[in-house]
PDB file of N, CA and C in Angstrom:
ATOM      1  N   MET A   1    -148.771 123.679   0.081  1.00  0.00           N
ATOM      2  CA  MET A   1    -149.584 122.484   0.214  1.00  0.00           C
ATOM      3  C   MET A   1    -149.798 122.195   1.699  1.00  0.00           C
ATOM      4  N   PRO A   2    -150.982 121.765   2.052  1.00  0.00           N
ATOM      5  CA  PRO A   2    -151.275 121.461   3.462  1.00  0.00           C
ATOM      6  C   PRO A   2    -150.605 120.169   3.931  1.00  0.00           C
ATOM      7  N   ILE A   3    -150.342 120.124   5.222  1.00  0.00           N
ATOM      8  CA  ILE A   3    -149.817 118.928   5.860  1.00  0.00           C
ATOM      9  C   ILE A   3    -150.937 118.376   6.732  1.00  0.00           C
ATOM     10  N   TYR A   4    -151.345 117.136   6.448  1.00  0.00           N
ATOM     11  CA  TYR A   4    -152.427 116.506   7.191  1.00  0.00           C
ATOM     12  C   TYR A   4    -151.876 115.456   8.137  1.00  0.00           C
ATOM     13  N   ALA A   5    -152.484 115.334   9.315  1.00  0.00           N
ATOM     14  CA  ALA A   5    -152.117 114.311  10.287  1.00  0.00           C
ATOM     15  C   ALA A   5    -153.092 113.153  10.129  1.00  0.00           C
ATOM     16  N   TYR A   6    -152.551 111.935   9.982  1.00  0.00           N
ATOM     17  CA  TYR A   6    -153.358 110.722   9.874  1.00  0.00           C
ATOM     18  C   TYR A   6    -153.014 109.815  11.040  1.00  0.00           C
ATOM     19  N   LYS A   7    -154.006 108.992  11.452  1.00  0.00           N
ATOM     20  CA  LYS A   7    -153.774 108.019  12.520  1.00  0.00           C
ATOM     21  C   LYS A   7    -154.595 106.772  12.241  1.00  0.00           C
ATOM     22  N   CYS A   8    -153.972 105.633  12.486  1.00  0.00           N
ATOM     23  CA  CYS A   8    -154.648 104.360  12.276  1.00  0.00           C
ATOM     24  C   CYS A   8    -155.472 104.024  13.514  1.00  0.00           C
ATOM     25  N   GLY A   9    -156.719 103.674  13.320  1.00  0.00           N
ATOM     26  CA  GLY A   9    -157.602 103.293  14.415  1.00  0.00           C
ATOM     27  C   GLY A   9    -157.327 101.882  14.897  1.00  0.00           C
ATOM     28  N   SER A  10    -156.615 101.087  14.104  1.00  0.00           N
ATOM     29  CA  SER A  10    -156.342  99.702  14.456  1.00  0.00           C
ATOM     30  C   SER A  10    -155.045  99.560  15.263  1.00  0.00           C
ATOM     31  N   CYS A  11    -153.929 100.062  14.720  1.00  0.00           N
ATOM     32  CA  CYS A  11    -152.627  99.882  15.381  1.00  0.00           C
ATOM     33  C   CYS A  11    -152.118 101.143  16.075  1.00  0.00           C
ATOM     34  N   GLY A  12    -152.724 102.300  15.829  1.00  0.00           N
ATOM     35  CA  GLY A  12    -152.309 103.541  16.472  1.00  0.00           C
ATOM     36  C   GLY A  12    -151.177 104.263  15.757  1.00  0.00           C
ATOM     37  N   HIS A  13    -150.756 103.767  14.583  1.00  0.00           N
ATOM     38  CA  HIS A  13    -149.676 104.405  13.818  1.00  0.00           C
ATOM     39  C   HIS A  13    -150.129 105.812  13.388  1.00  0.00           C
ATOM     40  N   ALA A  14    -149.273 106.819  13.635  1.00  0.00           N
ATOM     41  CA  ALA A  14    -149.582 108.200  13.253  1.00  0.00           C
ATOM     42  C   ALA A  14    -148.556 108.680  12.242  1.00  0.00           C
ATOM     43  N   LYS A  15    -149.016 109.503  11.288  1.00  0.00           N
ATOM     44  CA  LYS A  15    -148.133 109.992  10.232  1.00  0.00           C
ATOM     45  C   LYS A  15    -148.645 111.334   9.724  1.00  0.00           C
ATOM     46  N   ASP A  16    -147.718 112.267   9.471  1.00  0.00           N
ATOM     47  CA  ASP A  16    -148.050 113.541   8.834  1.00  0.00           C
ATOM     48  C   ASP A  16    -147.785 113.398   7.345  1.00  0.00           C
ATOM     49  N   VAL A  17    -148.766 113.812   6.528  1.00  0.00           N
ATOM     50  CA  VAL A  17    -148.667 113.634   5.082  1.00  0.00           C
ATOM     51  C   VAL A  17    -148.841 114.982   4.391  1.00  0.00           C
ATOM     52  N   LEU A  18    -147.899 115.290   3.500  1.00  0.00           N
ATOM     53  CA  LEU A  18    -147.979 116.497   2.681  1.00  0.00           C
ATOM     54  C   LEU A  18    -148.724 116.126   1.408  1.00  0.00           C
ATOM     55  N   GLN A  19    -149.901 116.693   1.211  1.00  0.00           N
ATOM     56  CA  GLN A  19    -150.692 116.372   0.016  1.00  0.00           C
ATOM     57  C   GLN A  19    -151.543 117.557  -0.393  1.00  0.00           C
ATOM     58  N   LYS A  20    -151.936 117.552  -1.652  1.00  0.00           N
ATOM     59  CA  LYS A  20    -152.792 118.614  -2.184  1.00  0.00           C
ATOM     60  C   LYS A  20    -154.182 118.513  -1.573  1.00  0.00           C
ATOM     61  N   ILE A  21    -154.880 119.631  -1.600  1.00  0.00           N
ATOM     62  CA  ILE A  21    -156.255 119.639  -1.098  1.00  0.00           C
ATOM     63  C   ILE A  21    -157.137 118.746  -1.951  1.00  0.00           C
ATOM     64  N   SER A  22    -156.848 118.684  -3.232  1.00  0.00           N
ATOM     65  CA  SER A  22    -157.666 117.892  -4.146  1.00  0.00           C
ATOM     66  C   SER A  22    -157.319 116.399  -4.134  1.00  0.00           C
ATOM     67  N   ASP A  23    -156.227 115.994  -3.457  1.00  0.00           N
ATOM     68  CA  ASP A  23    -155.864 114.574  -3.378  1.00  0.00           C
ATOM     69  C   ASP A  23    -156.900 113.813  -2.554  1.00  0.00           C
ATOM     70  N   PRO A  24    -157.147 112.532  -2.904  1.00  0.00           N
ATOM     71  CA  PRO A  24    -158.099 111.745  -2.103  1.00  0.00           C
ATOM     72  C   PRO A  24    -157.514 111.424  -0.722  1.00  0.00           C
ATOM     73  N   LEU A  25    -158.390 111.226   0.253  1.00  0.00           N
ATOM     74  CA  LEU A  25    -157.966 110.890   1.609  1.00  0.00           C
ATOM     75  C   LEU A  25    -157.320 109.507   1.618  1.00  0.00           C
ATOM     76  N   LEU A  26    -156.316 109.354   2.488  1.00  0.00           N
ATOM     77  CA  LEU A  26    -155.676 108.051   2.648  1.00  0.00           C
ATOM     78  C   LEU A  26    -156.528 107.206   3.594  1.00  0.00           C
ATOM     79  N   THR A  27    -156.719 105.936   3.262  1.00  0.00           N
ATOM     80  CA  THR A  27    -157.537 105.065   4.106  1.00  0.00           C
ATOM     81  C   THR A  27    -156.784 103.825   4.565  1.00  0.00           C
ATOM     82  N   VAL A  28    -155.724 103.431   3.847  1.00  0.00           N
ATOM     83  CA  VAL A  28    -154.966 102.232   4.190  1.00  0.00           C
ATOM     84  C   VAL A  28    -153.745 102.617   5.027  1.00  0.00           C
ATOM     85  N   CYS A  29    -153.597 101.990   6.189  1.00  0.00           N
ATOM     86  CA  CYS A  29    -152.478 102.269   7.085  1.00  0.00           C
ATOM     87  C   CYS A  29    -151.189 101.716   6.477  1.00  0.00           C
ATOM     88  N   PRO A  30    -150.125 102.529   6.391  1.00  0.00           N
ATOM     89  CA  PRO A  30    -148.878 102.037   5.822  1.00  0.00           C
ATOM     90  C   PRO A  30    -148.141 101.053   6.753  1.00  0.00           C
ATOM     91  N   ALA A  31    -148.479 101.034   8.038  1.00  0.00           N
ATOM     92  CA  ALA A  31    -147.798 100.156   8.990  1.00  0.00           C
ATOM     93  C   ALA A  31    -148.442  98.755   9.042  1.00  0.00           C
ATOM     94  N   CYS A  32    -149.767  98.707   9.207  1.00  0.00           N
ATOM     95  CA  CYS A  32    -150.430  97.405   9.365  1.00  0.00           C
ATOM     96  C   CYS A  32    -151.284  96.994   8.170  1.00  0.00           C
ATOM     97  N   GLY A  33    -151.588  97.916   7.267  1.00  0.00           N
ATOM     98  CA  GLY A  33    -152.380  97.598   6.077  1.00  0.00           C
ATOM     99  C   GLY A  33    -153.878  97.613   6.305  1.00  0.00           C
ATOM    100  N   ALA A  34    -154.323  97.951   7.490  1.00  0.00           N
ATOM    101  CA  ALA A  34    -155.756  97.996   7.790  1.00  0.00           C
ATOM    102  C   ALA A  34    -156.388  99.220   7.132  1.00  0.00           C
ATOM    103  N   GLU A  35    -157.685  99.110   6.879  1.00  0.00           N
ATOM    104  CA  GLU A  35    -158.427 100.219   6.257  1.00  0.00           C
ATOM    105  C   GLU A  35    -158.975 101.164   7.329  1.00  0.00           C
ATOM    106  N   ALA A  36    -158.187 101.419   8.364  1.00  0.00           N
ATOM    107  CA  ALA A  36    -158.625 102.247   9.490  1.00  0.00           C
ATOM    108  C   ALA A  36    -157.807 103.532   9.597  1.00  0.00           C
ATOM    109  N   PHE A  37    -157.132 103.924   8.540  1.00  0.00           N
ATOM    110  CA  PHE A  37    -156.301 105.136   8.526  1.00  0.00           C
ATOM    111  C   PHE A  37    -157.218 106.321   8.271  1.00  0.00           C
ATOM    112  N   SER A  38    -157.257 107.278   9.182  1.00  0.00           N
ATOM    113  CA  SER A  38    -158.161 108.420   9.013  1.00  0.00           C
ATOM    114  C   SER A  38    -157.441 109.725   9.330  1.00  0.00           C
ATOM    115  N   LYS A  39    -157.957 110.783   8.717  1.00  0.00           N
ATOM    116  CA  LYS A  39    -157.379 112.120   8.911  1.00  0.00           C
ATOM    117  C   LYS A  39    -157.828 112.668  10.255  1.00  0.00           C
ATOM    118  N   GLN A  40    -156.884 113.270  10.977  1.00  0.00           N
ATOM    119  CA  GLN A  40    -157.155 113.844  12.293  1.00  0.00           C
ATOM    120  C   GLN A  40    -157.475 115.332  12.157  1.00  0.00           C
ATOM    121  N   VAL A  41    -158.216 115.857  13.118  1.00  0.00           N
ATOM    122  CA  VAL A  41    -158.495 117.282  13.173  1.00  0.00           C
ATOM    123  C   VAL A  41    -157.360 117.915  13.984  1.00  0.00           C
ATOM    124  N   THR A  42    -156.561 118.769  13.327  1.00  0.00           N
ATOM    125  CA  THR A  42    -155.416 119.403  13.968  1.00  0.00           C
ATOM    126  C   THR A  42    -155.351 120.866  13.564  1.00  0.00           C
ATOM    127  N   ALA A  43    -154.394 121.569  14.127  1.00  0.00           N
ATOM    128  CA  ALA A  43    -154.146 122.954  13.722  1.00  0.00           C
ATOM    129  C   ALA A  43    -153.622 122.937  12.286  1.00  0.00           C
ATOM    130  N   ALA A  44    -153.887 123.998  11.576  1.00  0.00           N
ATOM    131  CA  ALA A  44    -153.472 124.068  10.178  1.00  0.00           C
ATOM    132  C   ALA A  44    -151.953 124.100  10.081  1.00  0.00           C
ATOM    133  N   GLY A  45    -151.424 123.372   9.134  1.00  0.00           N
ATOM    134  CA  GLY A  45    -149.994 123.387   8.853  1.00  0.00           C
ATOM    135  C   GLY A  45    -149.807 123.442   7.355  1.00  0.00           C
ATOM    136  N   PHE A  46    -148.836 124.201   6.887  1.00  0.00           N
ATOM    137  CA  PHE A  46    -148.600 124.275   5.454  1.00  0.00           C
ATOM    138  C   PHE A  46    -147.139 124.569   5.204  1.00  0.00           C
ATOM    139  N   GLN A  47    -146.725 124.354   3.972  1.00  0.00           N
ATOM    140  CA  GLN A  47    -145.333 124.547   3.589  1.00  0.00           C
ATOM    141  C   GLN A  47    -145.296 125.469   2.380  1.00  0.00           C
ATOM    142  N   LEU A  48    -144.483 126.535   2.459  1.00  0.00           N
ATOM    143  CA  LEU A  48    -144.351 127.475   1.342  1.00  0.00           C
ATOM    144  C   LEU A  48    -143.117 127.108   0.531  1.00  0.00           C
ATOM    145  N   LYS A  49    -143.265 127.114  -0.772  1.00  0.00           N
ATOM    146  CA  LYS A  49    -142.139 126.821  -1.654  1.00  0.00           C
ATOM    147  C   LYS A  49    -142.082 127.870  -2.748  1.00  0.00           C
ATOM    148  N   GLY A  50    -140.909 128.015  -3.344  1.00  0.00           N
ATOM    149  CA  GLY A  50    -140.753 128.934  -4.466  1.00  0.00           C
ATOM    150  C   GLY A  50    -140.440 130.340  -4.000  1.00  0.00           C
ATOM    151  N   SER A  51    -140.359 131.251  -4.953  1.00  0.00           N
ATOM    152  CA  SER A  51    -140.077 132.652  -4.619  1.00  0.00           C
ATOM    153  C   SER A  51    -141.400 133.342  -4.333  1.00  0.00           C
ATOM    154  N   GLY A  52    -141.532 133.787  -3.114  1.00  0.00           N
ATOM    155  CA  GLY A  52    -142.777 134.429  -2.703  1.00  0.00           C
ATOM    156  C   GLY A  52    -142.629 135.927  -2.691  1.00  0.00           C
ATOM    157  N   TRP A  53    -143.670 136.604  -2.247  1.00  0.00           N
ATOM    158  CA  TRP A  53    -143.646 138.069  -2.242  1.00  0.00           C
ATOM    159  C   TRP A  53    -142.586 138.597  -1.290  1.00  0.00           C
ATOM    160  N   TYR A  54    -142.293 137.892  -0.190  1.00  0.00           N
ATOM    161  CA  TYR A  54    -141.287 138.386   0.754  1.00  0.00           C
ATOM    162  C   TYR A  54    -139.909 138.400   0.108  1.00  0.00           C
ATOM    163  N   ALA A  55    -139.545 137.320  -0.556  1.00  0.00           N
ATOM    164  CA  ALA A  55    -138.210 137.205  -1.146  1.00  0.00           C
ATOM    165  C   ALA A  55    -138.027 138.181  -2.300  1.00  0.00           C
ATOM    166  N   THR A  56    -139.083 138.478  -3.003  1.00  0.00           N
ATOM    167  CA  THR A  56    -138.942 139.328  -4.180  1.00  0.00           C
ATOM    168  C   THR A  56    -139.191 140.800  -3.904  1.00  0.00           C
ATOM    169  N   ASP A  57    -140.024 141.112  -2.920  1.00  0.00           N
ATOM    170  CA  ASP A  57    -140.420 142.504  -2.725  1.00  0.00           C
ATOM    171  C   ASP A  57    -139.811 143.186  -1.511  1.00  0.00           C
ATOM    172  N   PHE A  58    -139.655 142.481  -0.393  1.00  0.00           N
ATOM    173  CA  PHE A  58    -139.266 143.144   0.833  1.00  0.00           C
ATOM    174  C   PHE A  58    -137.893 142.735   1.346  1.00  0.00           C
ATOM    175  N   ARG A  59    -137.289 141.755   0.784  1.00  0.00           N
ATOM    176  CA  ARG A  59    -136.000 141.291   1.256  1.00  0.00           C
ATOM    177  C   ARG A  59    -134.884 142.067   0.582  1.00  0.00           C
ATOM    178  N   GLY A  60    -133.832 142.370   1.265  1.00  0.00           N
ATOM    179  CA  GLY A  60    -132.691 143.042   0.655  1.00  0.00           C
ATOM    180  C   GLY A  60    -132.483 144.449   1.189  1.00  0.00           C
ATOM    181  N   GLY A  61    -133.393 144.972   1.988  1.00  0.00           N
ATOM    182  CA  GLY A  61    -133.195 146.247   2.644  1.00  0.00           C
ATOM    183  C   GLY A  61    -133.471 147.473   1.791  1.00  0.00           C
ATOM    184  N   ALA A  62    -133.820 147.351   0.535  1.00  0.00           N
ATOM    185  CA  ALA A  62    -134.103 148.529  -0.289  1.00  0.00           C
ATOM    186  C   ALA A  62    -135.453 149.099   0.109  1.00  0.00           C
ATOM    187  N   ALA A  63    -135.486 150.395   0.341  1.00  0.00           N
ATOM    188  CA  ALA A  63    -136.739 151.052   0.698  1.00  0.00           C
ATOM    189  C   ALA A  63    -137.611 151.167  -0.546  1.00  0.00           C
ATOM    190  N   PRO A  64    -138.912 150.964  -0.399  1.00  0.00           N
ATOM    191  CA  PRO A  64    -139.789 151.090  -1.559  1.00  0.00           C
ATOM    192  C   PRO A  64    -139.807 152.525  -2.063  1.00  0.00           C
ATOM    193  N   SER A  65    -139.935 152.690  -3.352  1.00  0.00           N
ATOM    194  CA  SER A  65    -139.939 154.034  -3.923  1.00  0.00           C
ATOM    195  C   SER A  65    -141.262 154.726  -3.627  1.00  0.00           C
ATOM    196  N   ALA A  66    -141.209 156.032  -3.469  1.00  0.00           N
ATOM    197  CA  ALA A  66    -142.404 156.817  -3.178  1.00  0.00           C
ATOM    198  C   ALA A  66    -143.225 156.985  -4.454  1.00  0.00           C
ATOM    199  N   PRO A  67    -144.533 157.140  -4.314  1.00  0.00           N
ATOM    200  CA  PRO A  67    -145.364 157.382  -5.495  1.00  0.00           C
ATOM    201  C   PRO A  67    -144.948 158.671  -6.201  1.00  0.00           C
ATOM    202  N   ALA A  68    -145.233 158.789  -7.484  1.00  0.00           N
ATOM    203  CA  ALA A  68    -144.808 159.926  -8.302  1.00  0.00           C
ATOM    204  C   ALA A  68    -145.380 161.245  -7.791  1.00  0.00           C
ATOM    205  N   ALA A  69    -146.617 161.249  -7.301  1.00  0.00           N
ATOM    206  CA  ALA A  69    -147.234 162.486  -6.832  1.00  0.00           C
ATOM    207  C   ALA A  69    -146.512 163.017  -5.595  1.00  0.00           C
ATOM    208  N   ASP A  70    -146.141 162.120  -4.675  1.00  0.00           N
ATOM    209  CA  ASP A  70    -145.433 162.555  -3.473  1.00  0.00           C
ATOM    210  C   ASP A  70    -144.043 163.071  -3.814  1.00  0.00           C
ATOM    211  N   THR A  71    -143.379 162.464  -4.758  1.00  0.00           N
ATOM    212  CA  THR A  71    -142.036 162.876  -5.151  1.00  0.00           C
ATOM    213  C   THR A  71    -142.067 164.275  -5.761  1.00  0.00           C
ATOM    214  N   ALA A  72    -143.037 164.558  -6.613  1.00  0.00           N
ATOM    215  CA  ALA A  72    -143.132 165.868  -7.256  1.00  0.00           C
ATOM    216  C   ALA A  72    -143.429 166.956  -6.219  1.00  0.00           C
ATOM    217  N   ALA A  73    -144.297 166.659  -5.264  1.00  0.00           N
ATOM    218  CA  ALA A  73    -144.647 167.648  -4.245  1.00  0.00           C
ATOM    219  C   ALA A  73    -143.458 167.944  -3.345  1.00  0.00           C
ATOM    220  N   SER A  74    -142.702 166.925  -2.967  1.00  0.00           N
ATOM    221  CA  SER A  74    -141.579 167.171  -2.070  1.00  0.00           C
ATOM    222  C   SER A  74    -140.444 167.887  -2.782  1.00  0.00           C
ATOM    223  N   SER A  75    -140.256 167.653  -4.083  1.00  0.00           N
ATOM    224  CA  SER A  75    -139.174 168.339  -4.794  1.00  0.00           C
ATOM    225  C   SER A  75    -139.497 169.808  -5.010  1.00  0.00           C
ATOM    226  N   SER A  76    -140.779 170.179  -5.140  1.00  0.00           N
ATOM    227  CA  SER A  76    -141.118 171.586  -5.340  1.00  0.00           C
ATOM    228  C   SER A  76    -140.921 172.375  -4.048  1.00  0.00           C
ATOM    229  N   THR A  77    -141.165 171.777  -2.902  1.00  0.00           N
ATOM    230  CA  THR A  77    -140.961 172.498  -1.653  1.00  0.00           C
ATOM    231  C   THR A  77    -139.485 172.638  -1.335  1.00  0.00           C
ATOM    232  N   LYS A  78    -138.668 171.727  -1.780  1.00  0.00           N
ATOM    233  CA  LYS A  78    -137.237 171.849  -1.552  1.00  0.00           C
ATOM    234  C   LYS A  78    -136.642 172.966  -2.402  1.00  0.00           C
ATOM    235  N   ALA A  79    -137.150 173.134  -3.607  1.00  0.00           N
ATOM    236  CA  ALA A  79    -136.615 174.139  -4.518  1.00  0.00           C
ATOM    237  C   ALA A  79    -137.035 175.545  -4.096  1.00  0.00           C
ATOM    238  N   ASP A  80    -138.227 175.707  -3.562  1.00  0.00           N
ATOM    239  CA  ASP A  80    -138.749 177.022  -3.205  1.00  0.00           C
ATOM    240  C   ASP A  80    -139.161 177.024  -1.735  1.00  0.00           C
ATOM    241  N   PRO A  81    -138.291 177.503  -0.823  1.00  0.00           N
ATOM    242  CA  PRO A  81    -138.663 177.499   0.591  1.00  0.00           C
ATOM    243  C   PRO A  81    -139.815 178.442   0.892  1.00  0.00           C
ATOM    244  N   ALA A  82    -140.071 179.433   0.048  1.00  0.00           N
ATOM    245  CA  ALA A  82    -141.177 180.362   0.278  1.00  0.00           C
ATOM    246  C   ALA A  82    -142.519 179.668   0.102  1.00  0.00           C
ATOM    247  N   ALA A  83    -142.540 178.608  -0.695  1.00  0.00           N
ATOM    248  CA  ALA A  83    -143.794 177.886  -0.895  1.00  0.00           C
ATOM    249  C   ALA A  83    -144.210 177.189   0.390  1.00  0.00           C
ATOM    250  N   LYS A  84    -143.268 176.830   1.230  1.00  0.00           N
ATOM    251  CA  LYS A  84    -143.557 176.158   2.472  1.00  0.00           C
ATOM    252  C   LYS A  84    -144.024 177.143   3.539  1.00  0.00           C
ATOM    253  N   ASP A  85    -143.397 178.358   3.590  1.00  0.00           N
ATOM    254  CA  ASP A  85    -143.710 179.360   4.604  1.00  0.00           C
ATOM    255  C   ASP A  85    -144.188 180.629   3.906  1.00  0.00           C
ATOM    256  N   PRO A  86    -145.502 180.912   3.913  1.00  0.00           N
ATOM    257  CA  PRO A  86    -145.996 182.081   3.181  1.00  0.00           C
ATOM    258  C   PRO A  86    -145.463 183.396   3.739  1.00  0.00           C
ATOM    259  N   GLY A  87    -145.102 183.476   4.986  1.00  0.00           N
ATOM    260  CA  GLY A  87    -144.602 184.717   5.564  1.00  0.00           C
ATOM    261  C   GLY A  87    -143.173 185.026   5.119  1.00  0.00           C
ATOM    262  N   ALA A  88    -142.470 184.061   4.616  1.00  0.00           N
ATOM    263  CA  ALA A  88    -141.077 184.253   4.217  1.00  0.00           C
ATOM    264  C   ALA A  88    -140.949 185.094   2.951  1.00  0.00           C
ATOM    265  N   SER A  89    -141.996 185.168   2.144  1.00  0.00           N
ATOM    266  CA  SER A  89    -141.907 185.918   0.895  1.00  0.00           C
ATOM    267  C   SER A  89    -142.222 187.407   1.087  1.00  0.00           C
ATOM    268  N   ALA A  90    -142.676 187.796   2.275  1.00  0.00           N
ATOM    269  CA  ALA A  90    -142.993 189.205   2.523  1.00  0.00           C
ATOM    270  C   ALA A  90    -141.692 190.014   2.583  1.00  0.00           C
ATOM    271  N   PRO A  91    -141.709 191.262   2.107  1.00  0.00           N
ATOM    272  CA  PRO A  91    -140.489 192.063   2.129  1.00  0.00           C
ATOM    273  C   PRO A  91    -140.064 192.344   3.570  1.00  0.00           C
ATOM    274  N   ALA A  92    -138.771 192.389   3.772  1.00  0.00           N
ATOM    275  CA  ALA A  92    -138.237 192.622   5.117  1.00  0.00           C
ATOM    276  C   ALA A  92    -138.495 194.066   5.538  1.00  0.00           C
ATOM    277  N   ALA A  93    -138.768 194.274   6.805  1.00  0.00           N
ATOM    278  CA  ALA A  93    -139.005 195.626   7.334  1.00  0.00           C
ATOM    279  C   ALA A  93    -137.674 196.376   7.399  1.00  0.00           C
ATOM    280  N   THR A  94    -137.736 197.721   7.332  1.00  0.00           N
ATOM    281  CA  THR A  94    -136.508 198.526   7.407  1.00  0.00           C
ATOM    282  C   THR A  94    -135.943 198.409   8.812  1.00  0.00           C
ATOM    283  N   PRO A  95    -134.643 198.221   8.911  1.00  0.00           N
ATOM    284  CA  PRO A  95    -134.063 198.078  10.244  1.00  0.00           C
ATOM    285  C   PRO A  95    -134.196 199.366  11.045  1.00  0.00           C
ATOM    286  N   ALA A  96    -134.367 199.239  12.328  1.00  0.00           N
ATOM    287  CA  ALA A  96    -134.481 200.390  13.225  1.00  0.00           C
ATOM    288  C   ALA A  96    -133.102 201.031  13.368  1.00  0.00           C
ATOM    289  N   PRO A  97    -133.046 202.370  13.582  1.00  0.00           N
ATOM    290  CA  PRO A  97    -131.742 203.007  13.744  1.00  0.00           C
ATOM    291  C   PRO A  97    -131.044 202.481  14.987  1.00  0.00           C
ATOM    292  N   ALA A  98    -129.738 202.339  14.881  1.00  0.00           N
ATOM    293  CA  ALA A  98    -128.950 201.810  15.990  1.00  0.00           C
ATOM    294  C   ALA A  98    -128.920 202.812  17.129  1.00  0.00           C
ATOM    295  N   ALA A  99    -128.895 202.317  18.328  1.00  0.00           N
ATOM    296  CA  ALA A  99    -128.834 203.196  19.496  1.00  0.00           C
ATOM    297  C   ALA A  99    -127.484 203.874  19.540  1.00  0.00           C
ATOM    298  N   SER A 100    -127.461 205.108  20.010  1.00  0.00           N
ATOM    299  CA  SER A 100    -126.217 205.864  20.086  1.00  0.00           C
ATOM    300  C   SER A 100    -125.360 205.339  21.221  1.00  0.00           C
ATOM    301  N   THR A 101    -124.077 205.204  20.945  1.00  0.00           N
ATOM    302  CA  THR A 101    -123.175 204.693  21.976  1.00  0.00           C
ATOM    303  C   THR A 101    -122.517 205.835  22.752  1.00  0.00           C
ATOM    304  N   THR A 102    -122.704 207.086  22.335  1.00  0.00           N
ATOM    305  CA  THR A 102    -122.101 208.232  23.062  1.00  0.00           C
ATOM    306  C   THR A 102    -123.004 208.622  24.205  1.00  0.00           C
ATOM    307  N   PRO A 103    -122.427 208.897  25.359  1.00  0.00           N
ATOM    308  CA  PRO A 103    -123.256 209.269  26.516  1.00  0.00           C
ATOM    309  C   PRO A 103    -123.854 210.663  26.321  1.00  0.00           C
ATOM    310  N   THR A 104    -125.005 210.817  26.751  1.00  0.00           N
ATOM    311  CA  THR A 104    -125.677 212.117  26.692  1.00  0.00           C
ATOM    312  C   THR A 104    -125.550 212.815  28.040  1.00  0.00           C
ATOM    313  N   PRO A 105    -125.196 214.145  28.033  1.00  0.00           N
ATOM    314  CA  PRO A 105    -125.025 214.874  29.297  1.00  0.00           C
ATOM    315  C   PRO A 105    -126.292 215.224  29.963  1.00  0.00           C
TER     316      PRO A 105
END
């Protein structure tokens, strides 16, 4: 609900009032009773109540779960490393013969 600032043009009494947008404007000053109470133009102010999206969705430190498509793709690459690197599935080359350790005359 918005918070509106009111000020009396007669006595100068100022008051912030929490009211619905659909509520009628206040015109009678609560301090002097004059019909000079008017709403002031101020920066927007509002008050949040109840359980909002922050308290229910993002509070508590739990990371949001990944979408099902991303989960399936990441699990298939973990199971088969060759799917990630196409060169890894190629057959290994025959090892070269080891160099001789005996001196040649």
